[in-house]
Amino acid sequence: MATTIKDVVTRFFSMKGYKVERRVGWDCHGLPVEKYAEEKLGIKTKKEIEEKIGIEKFNKACHDAVLETKPIFEKALQRIGRWADYKNAYLTLDNSYIESVWWVFKNLWDLDLVYKDFRVTPYCPSCGTPLSNFEVNQGYRDVEDASLFIKFKIQQPTAYTPHSLSYALNPNTYFLAWTTTAWTLPANTALAVGPKFNYVKVKLENGEEYILAESRLSILNESHKIIEKYKGKDLVGLRYEPLFKIHDVGYKTRGAYQVLPADFVSIEDGTGVVHIAPAFGEDDFNLIKAEISSPEIPITVDEEGKMKKGIIGEGMFVKDADKEIIDDLKNRNLLYKSEKIFHTYPFCWRCESPLLYYPIKSWYIRVSSLRDKLVKNNKKINWAPKHLKEGRFGKWLAEAKDWAVSRNRFWGAPMPIWQCKKCGNVDAFGSLKELKKFSTKPIPENIDLHRPQIDKIKLRCGKCNGEMERVPYVFDCWFESGAMPYAQWHYPFERKDLVEKTFPADFIAEGLDQTRGWFYTLHVLATALTLKDIGLGKDKPAFKNVVVNGLILDEFGRKLSKKLRNYPEPDLIFEQYGADSLRLFLISSTAMGEDYRFSDKSVKEIYQKVIAKLVNSLKFYELYADKKVKDPRFKIQDLSVLDKWIFARLNETNQNVTKAMENYQLTEASRFLIDLVDDLSNWYIRRSRKRFQKPESKKDLANASATLKIVLIKTAKLLAPFTPFISEAIYSELSAQYIGHSARYKSLGIQDPRSKIQDSIHLEDWPKVDKKLINKDLLEAMKELRNTAALALAKRAEAKIKVRQPLASLKIKNPRSSPFGTLRGGQKSKIKEGLLNILADEINVKEILFDSKIKDEIELDTKITSELEIEGMKREIIRTIQDLRQEASYKPKDSVRLWVEASSRIKKIISDNLIELKRELCAKEILFGKTAKFDAEINTQINSEKIWIGVKKI
């Protein structure tokens, strides 16, 4: 979807005269590539890479995987029509790209925006690496888990208990806490309450007493009696017995197992008492650090997400250990109740493994310090749709958190951080030149900057002259993506003028999920790099305009997935309906930013509604138009009403599409064009058929031919960014015989015979609007005419009268209040006359009358006289024979001989209208009787009278 948007916009601005850099780039690093390489190598864990395969072999497999799949992606982009410079594509694995990433990071380092910290962060145990908070937001899904209400037994107060409550406690008094992550319970070190909330102690019939929030009493199954009430702050400091005695197996728990105050406690669900496991919750971790001096935090799970030695469920993955923990609590009467709950849980957006919140050391970007600047720079961006600026993206910026940019993986741009083994000094380096300056050994010119080669480089410490080693982290691949505006050109080492001249980018596009992905990282890095003017300007966003598309869902509203196989193969769609149909469906079917419901039926509708109609319109021109006309000497006022109207519609659409595209309103622009194609095919050509097939004069045929050619070519130009293939086909077919003109015809869009025709429609200029041709009175009058025709045809349908059956008249009630009424005097009267003739012909009546006394808006005379019936039968005969000619695959000008066997009445109709029928049907002879020498035949009925017709080409 995003690649279609990018192509549509860049094609449009190219035709507008802008120089467009069509360079594509390939994101080559990150976990998807690593997972692909793991499958190829037959391994599944990070440990196997380190101990069995080795980093060098593994990264070679990743590199080969990128080069293997790159041509596949290129082919897919080319098939959908993406016009791009594939030969000069950038790859994020190139040394030049990595060096620019280093330069970006070094600038942030020098601004004191980088720091290392040990904290709880989203962590994928399968990938063995932390994730950033915005990555986590891309992977939430609804899951079923156990909803547990746990009993924490309160310790009896003693003289040494640091608590102010004076009453004695029942030996069976418990805090009732709630959790959906049973595996975190062995690591419990505290309980949290809301200081201002109301809590109660209740006594059950079995003698047990529970403390919980007063507003959460509804969770209790048994009858109970409230025996105490107090505020949450009164409970702070009260101690309880640990659920699991993990200190017995070597875990330190000093300062643990007491009640703490916390603002994040909620009484909307649970019990108002929160189980705190600081190793596995960000809020939990921060609470313990804030409330307990020098806390000791037990980490009961290893980096592979398995329960550690000595912990219940030892060796099991955390989710698998839940059952064993729950059963243990039941057996010890510490589980009040267990229910099933559906809730959202984060999964790795790359490998789909359940995420943990896990304590780990990481390098962070101090994004929180940039919040005001991020919000301010966002105001300089034009968003499509607009609501994202202050909505989804703006709100995310206002709460922006520090960004964990280090990854404990292998295939990625290595972080340029070295630490001294002697004095502990840590420094970042922003270029190969800097590395060479401090390296203890010469660095090979052809070095691959990936691991493990980069890890072998030792540097000389600038403080103590000791040896520095590189920290073993790679960048979050989103950091690499965010550095793309600079790294794609190897800035600032090359193309300095180009980058500084074109920054910020005029336009970018991606899916809605990138408001917390690429759009966000671009914005963060651009904001940081322009805190001071280092050549990119000051306080700049990374882009000026952004178009955002929604998710593509199946026809039932489900996400497309390999598991469900709920999507058609793209190649099959291309084969059946072409890339143009798919492109136009994606752009037109849903407003930007909204989700799409995709089905091949929807693409087929676009094909039939637009692409097939364009093909048929071109075929109609090739079949019937006078192609000998090279320089039609007509004036706009001499054209027919239909010609004037289609020129008005063409220029009105040109104006609307141009305005929409300049404002990045792609959906609106595409819908304007779809309507134009419908008007061209279903109204202009359909109502002009007689002018082409049986013209009243050579001049009218020449005018109609010139008009259709001009409109087809200009329509193709307007459609070119959206449907590049059919537009090119129309242009190629017609431009070789392009109608020339003198300067006075320029307003009609006819090309000067002295000017050079372009090799491709995509090298043409965007069509200019001629406002003089946008006759608003005519447009409104034609709209009214078509509405009136629809009403009249509905009356015919009610009366069960075919359209080919002529009727006497149609009466219209209020001509003066309708657009017809504004067309009086001079040219307008001629237009009105022409419009009424079109209306009479469309609904097949002899005359149009105006009568203010009729009851309804229109009145159709449905009485069929014998004369009208005979005329209707004549039209049925003509239609039947025309269908027969088509069945026999005759060309319009092929002469034929006809044989007819029918009733005497039908024979008389044919005899009375013989000359007209011969002319209409291109028939040399019409003979009565049957023959065996025919190309095609038909047995049918006309007004219940049998007729046989045979046809033979002469």
Foldseek 3Di string as FASTA:
>chain_A
DQLLLVLLQQLQVVLQPDDDAQAAEDEQFDDLLLVVLCVVVVHFAPVCQVPPVDLVRSLVSSVVSCVVCVVVVVVVSVQLPRDGDHVLHYYCQDPLLLLLLLQLVQLLVVVVQKDKDWAWAKAFLRQLKGAWPLQQVVFKDKDKFKKFWFWWFFDWDDPPQPADDDDTDDNQETETWIDRQLLLQQQFFEKEAAQAFKWFWKAFPVGHIYIFGPLAPVVDDGDIGTDDMDGRNNQFRTFTDRPDPCVVVPADRPPGGTYDYDPPQDPPDTGRMYGAQRFFDRRSVVRCPVPPDPGGHDDQADSSQAGDPPDQRHPHRSRVSNVRSVVVCVVVVGTSDMDMDIDMFTARPNPRHGITGGTDMFMWGQLVVCLVLLLVQLVQAQEAVRCCSCPVLVVCSNVPHITGWWILHFTASAFQWKAFPPPGDIHGDSRVVVLCVFWPDHDDPPDSRGPPRVQPTWGQDPPPRGIIGGDNIHTDSLSSLLSVLASSQSPPVPPLVVSLVCPQPAEREDEPSCSSTNQVSVQSSVQSVQCDPPSNHHSHGNYHYYFYAYAEAAQVRHHDDPVVVRADDPVVLCVPQRSLLVLLCRQAVDRTRDYHHDDSVSSVVSSVLAVVLLVVLLVLLVFFADLVQAEQPDDLLPAFLLLLQLLLLLLVLLVQLVVCSVSSRRNRNSVSLSVSSCCVRVPSCVLCVCCRQPNPDPNNSNRSSLSSLLSSLLSLLSCCSRRVPSSFVSCVVRVVSQHAYDPVCVQSVGHHPVDDDDPTSSSHRNDDRDNVSNPVLSNQQLVVLVVVLVVLVVVCVVVVHDQLQAFAEKEAADCCVGSLNVQDDDSSVSSSVSSQVSSCNSSRHPGYHYHNPDDDRMDGGPDADPVSLLSSLVSVVLVVLVVQCVVLVHRSQFEKEKEKEWDPSVVVSCVVCVVVSCSSRNYPYYHYDDDPPASGKDWDDRPNTTMIMGMHTD
